[in-house]
Amino acid sequence: DRDISDMIHRLNFYSSARARDLREGRRGGTFATNLRRLFTRFFKCYILRKGYREGGYGFLIALFAGLYPLLSYLKATLEDG
């Protein structure tokens, strides 16, 4: 990605695609499950995969990786087809 704006755009694009899949009946879990995934995915990307070595971009990548399942779930639940 060229900048943070591109990263946000990509997160939005992929979470919208996942939300469409969830609306079509694919399993997406509950709100609590997806909230837990935010923290576990962030921990996995930032700590276990050593994203902290990348500085601010590593933090953003880990944050967006964590937000992806929760954002997808919320889009599938709250948005009309």
PDB file of N, CA and C in Angstrom:
ATOM      1  N   ASP A   1       0.836  -1.188   0.000  1.00  0.00           N
ATOM      2  CA  ASP A   1       0.000   0.000   0.000  1.00  0.00           C
ATOM      3  C   ASP A   1       0.877   1.247   0.000  1.00  0.00           C
ATOM      4  N   ARG A   2       0.379   2.264  -0.673  1.00  0.00           N
ATOM      5  CA  ARG A   2       1.150   3.500  -0.770  1.00  0.00           C
ATOM      6  C   ARG A   2       1.099   4.315   0.514  1.00  0.00           C
ATOM      7  N   ASP A   3      -0.070   4.328   1.175  1.00  0.00           N
ATOM      8  CA  ASP A   3      -0.208   5.117   2.390  1.00  0.00           C
ATOM      9  C   ASP A   3      -1.339   4.559   3.253  1.00  0.00           C
ATOM     10  N   ILE A   4      -1.604   5.229   4.356  1.00  0.00           N
ATOM     11  CA  ILE A   4      -2.627   4.767   5.296  1.00  0.00           C
ATOM     12  C   ILE A   4      -4.004   4.770   4.651  1.00  0.00           C
ATOM     13  N   SER A   5      -4.261   5.736   3.800  1.00  0.00           N
ATOM     14  CA  SER A   5      -5.551   5.801   3.108  1.00  0.00           C
ATOM     15  C   SER A   5      -5.804   4.536   2.287  1.00  0.00           C
ATOM     16  N   ASP A   6      -4.784   4.043   1.613  1.00  0.00           N
ATOM     17  CA  ASP A   6      -4.911   2.796   0.847  1.00  0.00           C
ATOM     18  C   ASP A   6      -5.186   1.606   1.764  1.00  0.00           C
ATOM     19  N   MET A   7      -4.555   1.601   2.923  1.00  0.00           N
ATOM     20  CA  MET A   7      -4.783   0.511   3.876  1.00  0.00           C
ATOM     21  C   MET A   7      -6.236   0.505   4.349  1.00  0.00           C
ATOM     22  N   ILE A   8      -6.769   1.683   4.623  1.00  0.00           N
ATOM     23  CA  ILE A   8      -8.162   1.794   5.066  1.00  0.00           C
ATOM     24  C   ILE A   8      -9.101   1.382   3.945  1.00  0.00           C
ATOM     25  N   HIS A   9      -8.799   1.804   2.728  1.00  0.00           N
ATOM     26  CA  HIS A   9      -9.625   1.431   1.577  1.00  0.00           C
ATOM     27  C   HIS A   9      -9.639  -0.087   1.398  1.00  0.00           C
ATOM     28  N   ARG A  10      -8.487  -0.718   1.534  1.00  0.00           N
ATOM     29  CA  ARG A  10      -8.411  -2.173   1.375  1.00  0.00           C
ATOM     30  C   ARG A  10      -9.180  -2.886   2.486  1.00  0.00           C
ATOM     31  N   LEU A  11      -9.069  -2.397   3.720  1.00  0.00           N
ATOM     32  CA  LEU A  11      -9.839  -2.973   4.828  1.00  0.00           C
ATOM     33  C   LEU A  11     -11.331  -2.866   4.545  1.00  0.00           C
ATOM     34  N   ASN A  12     -11.773  -1.724   4.064  1.00  0.00           N
ATOM     35  CA  ASN A  12     -13.182  -1.527   3.741  1.00  0.00           C
ATOM     36  C   ASN A  12     -13.625  -2.468   2.627  1.00  0.00           C
ATOM     37  N   PHE A  13     -12.811  -2.600   1.585  1.00  0.00           N
ATOM     38  CA  PHE A  13     -13.155  -3.458   0.449  1.00  0.00           C
ATOM     39  C   PHE A  13     -13.300  -4.920   0.877  1.00  0.00           C
ATOM     40  N   TYR A  14     -12.296  -5.426   1.596  1.00  0.00           N
ATOM     41  CA  TYR A  14     -12.315  -6.837   1.986  1.00  0.00           C
ATOM     42  C   TYR A  14     -13.365  -7.131   3.056  1.00  0.00           C
ATOM     43  N   SER A  15     -13.595  -6.197   3.966  1.00  0.00           N
ATOM     44  CA  SER A  15     -14.628  -6.436   4.979  1.00  0.00           C
ATOM     45  C   SER A  15     -16.016  -6.394   4.350  1.00  0.00           C
ATOM     46  N   SER A  16     -16.213  -5.580   3.324  1.00  0.00           N
ATOM     47  CA  SER A  16     -17.496  -5.569   2.613  1.00  0.00           C
ATOM     48  C   SER A  16     -17.712  -6.879   1.865  1.00  0.00           C
ATOM     49  N   ALA A  17     -16.665  -7.402   1.254  1.00  0.00           N
ATOM     50  CA  ALA A  17     -16.773  -8.688   0.555  1.00  0.00           C
ATOM     51  C   ALA A  17     -17.086  -9.804   1.544  1.00  0.00           C
ATOM     52  N   ARG A  18     -16.435  -9.796   2.690  1.00  0.00           N
ATOM     53  CA  ARG A  18     -16.704 -10.807   3.722  1.00  0.00           C
ATOM     54  C   ARG A  18     -18.126 -10.663   4.259  1.00  0.00           C
ATOM     55  N   ALA A  19     -18.604  -9.432   4.412  1.00  0.00           N
ATOM     56  CA  ALA A  19     -19.971  -9.204   4.892  1.00  0.00           C
ATOM     57  C   ALA A  19     -20.986  -9.790   3.915  1.00  0.00           C
ATOM     58  N   ARG A  20     -20.716  -9.658   2.610  1.00  0.00           N
ATOM     59  CA  ARG A  20     -21.611 -10.272   1.613  1.00  0.00           C
ATOM     60  C   ARG A  20     -21.642 -11.785   1.792  1.00  0.00           C
ATOM     61  N   ASP A  21     -20.486 -12.385   2.019  1.00  0.00           N
ATOM     62  CA  ASP A  21     -20.426 -13.830   2.265  1.00  0.00           C
ATOM     63  C   ASP A  21     -21.217 -14.206   3.517  1.00  0.00           C
ATOM     64  N   LEU A  22     -21.076 -13.414   4.562  1.00  0.00           N
ATOM     65  CA  LEU A  22     -21.797 -13.706   5.801  1.00  0.00           C
ATOM     66  C   LEU A  22     -23.308 -13.600   5.600  1.00  0.00           C
ATOM     67  N   ARG A  23     -23.736 -12.627   4.815  1.00  0.00           N
ATOM     68  CA  ARG A  23     -25.173 -12.474   4.544  1.00  0.00           C
ATOM     69  C   ARG A  23     -25.717 -13.651   3.751  1.00  0.00           C
ATOM     70  N   GLU A  24     -24.865 -14.293   2.960  1.00  0.00           N
ATOM     71  CA  GLU A  24     -25.291 -15.441   2.156  1.00  0.00           C
ATOM     72  C   GLU A  24     -25.342 -16.721   2.979  1.00  0.00           C
ATOM     73  N   GLY A  25     -25.138 -16.605   4.272  1.00  0.00           N
ATOM     74  CA  GLY A  25     -25.324 -17.752   5.143  1.00  0.00           C
ATOM     75  C   GLY A  25     -24.070 -18.415   5.650  1.00  0.00           C
ATOM     76  N   ARG A  26     -22.922 -17.910   5.256  1.00  0.00           N
ATOM     77  CA  ARG A  26     -21.693 -18.506   5.776  1.00  0.00           C
ATOM     78  C   ARG A  26     -21.527 -18.096   7.238  1.00  0.00           C
ATOM     79  N   ARG A  27     -21.015 -18.987   8.015  1.00  0.00           N
ATOM     80  CA  ARG A  27     -20.913 -18.792   9.457  1.00  0.00           C
ATOM     81  C   ARG A  27     -20.019 -17.611   9.815  1.00  0.00           C
ATOM     82  N   GLY A  28     -20.498 -16.742  10.695  1.00  0.00           N
ATOM     83  CA  GLY A  28     -19.711 -15.583  11.073  1.00  0.00           C
ATOM     84  C   GLY A  28     -19.538 -15.408  12.562  1.00  0.00           C
ATOM     85  N   GLY A  29     -20.172 -16.255  13.360  1.00  0.00           N
ATOM     86  CA  GLY A  29     -20.040 -16.150  14.803  1.00  0.00           C
ATOM     87  C   GLY A  29     -20.951 -15.094  15.391  1.00  0.00           C
ATOM     88  N   THR A  30     -20.737 -14.811  16.652  1.00  0.00           N
ATOM     89  CA  THR A  30     -21.536 -13.823  17.371  1.00  0.00           C
ATOM     90  C   THR A  30     -20.722 -12.545  17.539  1.00  0.00           C
ATOM     91  N   PHE A  31     -21.374 -11.525  18.068  1.00  0.00           N
ATOM     92  CA  PHE A  31     -20.674 -10.276  18.340  1.00  0.00           C
ATOM     93  C   PHE A  31     -19.522 -10.517  19.314  1.00  0.00           C
ATOM     94  N   ALA A  32     -19.793 -11.273  20.377  1.00  0.00           N
ATOM     95  CA  ALA A  32     -18.762 -11.538  21.386  1.00  0.00           C
ATOM     96  C   ALA A  32     -17.574 -12.292  20.784  1.00  0.00           C
ATOM     97  N   THR A  33     -17.855 -13.254  19.929  1.00  0.00           N
ATOM     98  CA  THR A  33     -16.784 -14.020  19.281  1.00  0.00           C
ATOM     99  C   THR A  33     -15.917 -13.108  18.421  1.00  0.00           C
ATOM    100  N   ASN A  34     -16.565 -12.244  17.659  1.00  0.00           N
ATOM    101  CA  ASN A  34     -15.815 -11.349  16.778  1.00  0.00           C
ATOM    102  C   ASN A  34     -15.077 -10.263  17.551  1.00  0.00           C
ATOM    103  N   LEU A  35     -15.624  -9.863  18.683  1.00  0.00           N
ATOM    104  CA  LEU A  35     -14.918  -8.908  19.537  1.00  0.00           C
ATOM    105  C   LEU A  35     -13.653  -9.553  20.103  1.00  0.00           C
ATOM    106  N   ARG A  36     -13.756 -10.812  20.511  1.00  0.00           N
ATOM    107  CA  ARG A  36     -12.581 -11.544  20.994  1.00  0.00           C
ATOM    108  C   ARG A  36     -11.542 -11.677  19.883  1.00  0.00           C
ATOM    109  N   ARG A  37     -12.014 -11.929  18.655  1.00  0.00           N
ATOM    110  CA  ARG A  37     -11.087 -12.071  17.522  1.00  0.00           C
ATOM    111  C   ARG A  37     -10.279 -10.803  17.283  1.00  0.00           C
ATOM    112  N   LEU A  38     -10.883  -9.649  17.561  1.00  0.00           N
ATOM    113  CA  LEU A  38     -10.159  -8.389  17.403  1.00  0.00           C
ATOM    114  C   LEU A  38      -8.872  -8.439  18.222  1.00  0.00           C
ATOM    115  N   PHE A  39      -9.002  -8.847  19.475  1.00  0.00           N
ATOM    116  CA  PHE A  39      -7.838  -8.863  20.362  1.00  0.00           C
ATOM    117  C   PHE A  39      -6.870  -9.992  20.036  1.00  0.00           C
ATOM    118  N   THR A  40      -7.393 -11.169  19.718  1.00  0.00           N
ATOM    119  CA  THR A  40      -6.491 -12.290  19.435  1.00  0.00           C
ATOM    120  C   THR A  40      -5.737 -12.088  18.124  1.00  0.00           C
ATOM    121  N   ARG A  41      -6.411 -11.554  17.110  1.00  0.00           N
ATOM    122  CA  ARG A  41      -5.722 -11.309  15.833  1.00  0.00           C
ATOM    123  C   ARG A  41      -4.685 -10.203  15.973  1.00  0.00           C
ATOM    124  N   PHE A  42      -5.032  -9.151  16.733  1.00  0.00           N
ATOM    125  CA  PHE A  42      -4.069  -8.082  16.966  1.00  0.00           C
ATOM    126  C   PHE A  42      -2.837  -8.639  17.680  1.00  0.00           C
ATOM    127  N   PHE A  43      -3.055  -9.418  18.734  1.00  0.00           N
ATOM    128  CA  PHE A  43      -1.946 -10.006  19.488  1.00  0.00           C
ATOM    129  C   PHE A  43      -1.081 -10.885  18.591  1.00  0.00           C
ATOM    130  N   LYS A  44      -1.736 -11.687  17.773  1.00  0.00           N
ATOM    131  CA  LYS A  44      -0.999 -12.588  16.885  1.00  0.00           C
ATOM    132  C   LYS A  44      -0.126 -11.797  15.905  1.00  0.00           C
ATOM    133  N   CYS A  45      -0.708 -10.763  15.292  1.00  0.00           N
ATOM    134  CA  CYS A  45       0.040  -9.989  14.289  1.00  0.00           C
ATOM    135  C   CYS A  45       1.106  -9.094  14.915  1.00  0.00           C
ATOM    136  N   TYR A  46       0.769  -8.451  16.016  1.00  0.00           N
ATOM    137  CA  TYR A  46       1.678  -7.457  16.576  1.00  0.00           C
ATOM    138  C   TYR A  46       2.752  -8.078  17.465  1.00  0.00           C
ATOM    139  N   ILE A  47       2.370  -9.057  18.268  1.00  0.00           N
ATOM    140  CA  ILE A  47       3.329  -9.645  19.208  1.00  0.00           C
ATOM    141  C   ILE A  47       3.973 -10.908  18.638  1.00  0.00           C
ATOM    142  N   LEU A  48       3.154 -11.897  18.308  1.00  0.00           N
ATOM    143  CA  LEU A  48       3.712 -13.182  17.887  1.00  0.00           C
ATOM    144  C   LEU A  48       4.448 -13.100  16.556  1.00  0.00           C
ATOM    145  N   ARG A  49       3.925 -12.317  15.621  1.00  0.00           N
ATOM    146  CA  ARG A  49       4.600 -12.160  14.321  1.00  0.00           C
ATOM    147  C   ARG A  49       5.540 -10.963  14.291  1.00  0.00           C
ATOM    148  N   LYS A  50       5.737 -10.358  15.436  1.00  0.00           N
ATOM    149  CA  LYS A  50       6.683  -9.258  15.636  1.00  0.00           C
ATOM    150  C   LYS A  50       6.403  -8.047  14.749  1.00  0.00           C
ATOM    151  N   GLY A  51       5.131  -7.684  14.654  1.00  0.00           N
ATOM    152  CA  GLY A  51       4.751  -6.501  13.895  1.00  0.00           C
ATOM    153  C   GLY A  51       5.293  -5.222  14.503  1.00  0.00           C
ATOM    154  N   TYR A  52       5.613  -5.254  15.795  1.00  0.00           N
ATOM    155  CA  TYR A  52       6.161  -4.078  16.463  1.00  0.00           C
ATOM    156  C   TYR A  52       7.480  -3.640  15.837  1.00  0.00           C
ATOM    157  N   ARG A  53       8.147  -4.541  15.158  1.00  0.00           N
ATOM    158  CA  ARG A  53       9.413  -4.189  14.504  1.00  0.00           C
ATOM    159  C   ARG A  53       9.210  -3.240  13.326  1.00  0.00           C
ATOM    160  N   GLU A  54       7.994  -3.184  12.815  1.00  0.00           N
ATOM    161  CA  GLU A  54       7.690  -2.313  11.678  1.00  0.00           C
ATOM    162  C   GLU A  54       7.250  -0.922  12.120  1.00  0.00           C
ATOM    163  N   GLY A  55       7.230  -0.668  13.408  1.00  0.00           N
ATOM    164  CA  GLY A  55       6.848   0.645  13.910  1.00  0.00           C
ATOM    165  C   GLY A  55       5.359   0.906  13.758  1.00  0.00           C
ATOM    166  N   GLY A  56       5.045   2.123  13.339  1.00  0.00           N
ATOM    167  CA  GLY A  56       3.650   2.534  13.200  1.00  0.00           C
ATOM    168  C   GLY A  56       2.872   1.712  12.195  1.00  0.00           C
ATOM    169  N   TYR A  57       3.511   1.372  11.087  1.00  0.00           N
ATOM    170  CA  TYR A  57       2.815   0.561  10.078  1.00  0.00           C
ATOM    171  C   TYR A  57       2.526  -0.845  10.595  1.00  0.00           C
ATOM    172  N   GLY A  58       3.417  -1.397  11.370  1.00  0.00           N
ATOM    173  CA  GLY A  58       3.169  -2.701  11.972  1.00  0.00           C
ATOM    174  C   GLY A  58       1.984  -2.662  12.913  1.00  0.00           C
ATOM    175  N   PHE A  59       1.888  -1.563  13.672  1.00  0.00           N
ATOM    176  CA  PHE A  59       0.746  -1.395  14.567  1.00  0.00           C
ATOM    177  C   PHE A  59      -0.550  -1.304  13.770  1.00  0.00           C
ATOM    178  N   LEU A  60      -0.551  -0.511  12.697  1.00  0.00           N
ATOM    179  CA  LEU A  60      -1.761  -0.365  11.879  1.00  0.00           C
ATOM    180  C   LEU A  60      -2.159  -1.673  11.212  1.00  0.00           C
ATOM    181  N   ILE A  61      -1.201  -2.404  10.704  1.00  0.00           N
ATOM    182  CA  ILE A  61      -1.504  -3.689  10.067  1.00  0.00           C
ATOM    183  C   ILE A  61      -2.138  -4.634  11.082  1.00  0.00           C
ATOM    184  N   ALA A  62      -1.579  -4.685  12.287  1.00  0.00           N
ATOM    185  CA  ALA A  62      -2.139  -5.544  13.333  1.00  0.00           C
ATOM    186  C   ALA A  62      -3.530  -5.069  13.740  1.00  0.00           C
ATOM    187  N   LEU A  63      -3.708  -3.759  13.849  1.00  0.00           N
ATOM    188  CA  LEU A  63      -5.012  -3.206  14.213  1.00  0.00           C
ATOM    189  C   LEU A  63      -6.057  -3.535  13.159  1.00  0.00           C
ATOM    190  N   PHE A  64      -5.717  -3.336  11.892  1.00  0.00           N
ATOM    191  CA  PHE A  64      -6.670  -3.621  10.816  1.00  0.00           C
ATOM    192  C   PHE A  64      -6.958  -5.115  10.711  1.00  0.00           C
ATOM    193  N   ALA A  65      -5.955  -5.947  10.966  1.00  0.00           N
ATOM    194  CA  ALA A  65      -6.181  -7.398  10.978  1.00  0.00           C
ATOM    195  C   ALA A  65      -7.164  -7.762  12.079  1.00  0.00           C
ATOM    196  N   GLY A  66      -7.061  -7.090  13.210  1.00  0.00           N
ATOM    197  CA  GLY A  66      -7.991  -7.329  14.303  1.00  0.00           C
ATOM    198  C   GLY A  66      -9.384  -6.807  14.023  1.00  0.00           C
ATOM    199  N   LEU A  67      -9.465  -5.668  13.369  1.00  0.00           N
ATOM    200  CA  LEU A  67     -10.767  -5.067  13.072  1.00  0.00           C
ATOM    201  C   LEU A  67     -11.536  -5.811  11.988  1.00  0.00           C
ATOM    202  N   TYR A  68     -10.830  -6.500  11.110  1.00  0.00           N
ATOM    203  CA  TYR A  68     -11.460  -7.147   9.961  1.00  0.00           C
ATOM    204  C   TYR A  68     -12.645  -8.051  10.315  1.00  0.00           C
ATOM    205  N   PRO A  69     -12.520  -9.021  11.236  1.00  0.00           N
ATOM    206  CA  PRO A  69     -13.680  -9.882  11.514  1.00  0.00           C
ATOM    207  C   PRO A  69     -14.832  -9.131  12.171  1.00  0.00           C
ATOM    208  N   LEU A  70     -14.524  -8.212  13.088  1.00  0.00           N
ATOM    209  CA  LEU A  70     -15.587  -7.463  13.761  1.00  0.00           C
ATOM    210  C   LEU A  70     -16.291  -6.533  12.784  1.00  0.00           C
ATOM    211  N   LEU A  71     -15.533  -5.845  11.966  1.00  0.00           N
ATOM    212  CA  LEU A  71     -16.114  -4.937  10.985  1.00  0.00           C
ATOM    213  C   LEU A  71     -16.958  -5.696   9.966  1.00  0.00           C
ATOM    214  N   SER A  72     -16.482  -6.841   9.529  1.00  0.00           N
ATOM    215  CA  SER A  72     -17.247  -7.668   8.588  1.00  0.00           C
ATOM    216  C   SER A  72     -18.563  -8.113   9.207  1.00  0.00           C
ATOM    217  N   TYR A  73     -18.499  -8.562  10.445  1.00  0.00           N
ATOM    218  CA  TYR A  73     -19.703  -9.007  11.147  1.00  0.00           C
ATOM    219  C   TYR A  73     -20.700  -7.858  11.292  1.00  0.00           C
ATOM    220  N   LEU A  74     -20.219  -6.691  11.705  1.00  0.00           N
ATOM    221  CA  LEU A  74     -21.112  -5.546  11.890  1.00  0.00           C
ATOM    222  C   LEU A  74     -21.725  -5.089  10.572  1.00  0.00           C
ATOM    223  N   LYS A  75     -20.949  -5.097   9.507  1.00  0.00           N
ATOM    224  CA  LYS A  75     -21.495  -4.733   8.200  1.00  0.00           C
ATOM    225  C   LYS A  75     -22.572  -5.716   7.776  1.00  0.00           C
ATOM    226  N   ALA A  76     -22.336  -7.001   7.978  1.00  0.00           N
ATOM    227  CA  ALA A  76     -23.312  -8.020   7.588  1.00  0.00           C
ATOM    228  C   ALA A  76     -24.582  -7.896   8.416  1.00  0.00           C
ATOM    229  N   THR A  77     -24.448  -7.535   9.676  1.00  0.00           N
ATOM    230  CA  THR A  77     -25.585  -7.466  10.583  1.00  0.00           C
ATOM    231  C   THR A  77     -26.373  -6.172  10.432  1.00  0.00           C
ATOM    232  N   LEU A  78     -25.676  -5.059  10.284  1.00  0.00           N
ATOM    233  CA  LEU A  78     -26.333  -3.755  10.347  1.00  0.00           C
ATOM    234  C   LEU A  78     -26.712  -3.156   9.001  1.00  0.00           C
ATOM    235  N   GLU A  79     -26.024  -3.539   7.947  1.00  0.00           N
ATOM    236  CA  GLU A  79     -26.307  -2.944   6.642  1.00  0.00           C
ATOM    237  C   GLU A  79     -27.344  -3.756   5.889  1.00  0.00           C
ATOM    238  N   ASP A  80     -28.136  -3.075   5.123  1.00  0.00           N
ATOM    239  CA  ASP A  80     -29.092  -3.756   4.247  1.00  0.00           C
ATOM    240  C   ASP A  80     -28.354  -4.210   3.006  1.00  0.00           C
ATOM    241  N   GLY A  81     -28.644  -5.485   2.585  1.00  0.00           N
ATOM    242  CA  GLY A  81     -28.048  -6.109   1.418  1.00  0.00           C
ATOM    243  C   GLY A  81     -27.528  -5.169   0.433  1.00  0.00           C
TER     244      GLY A  81
END
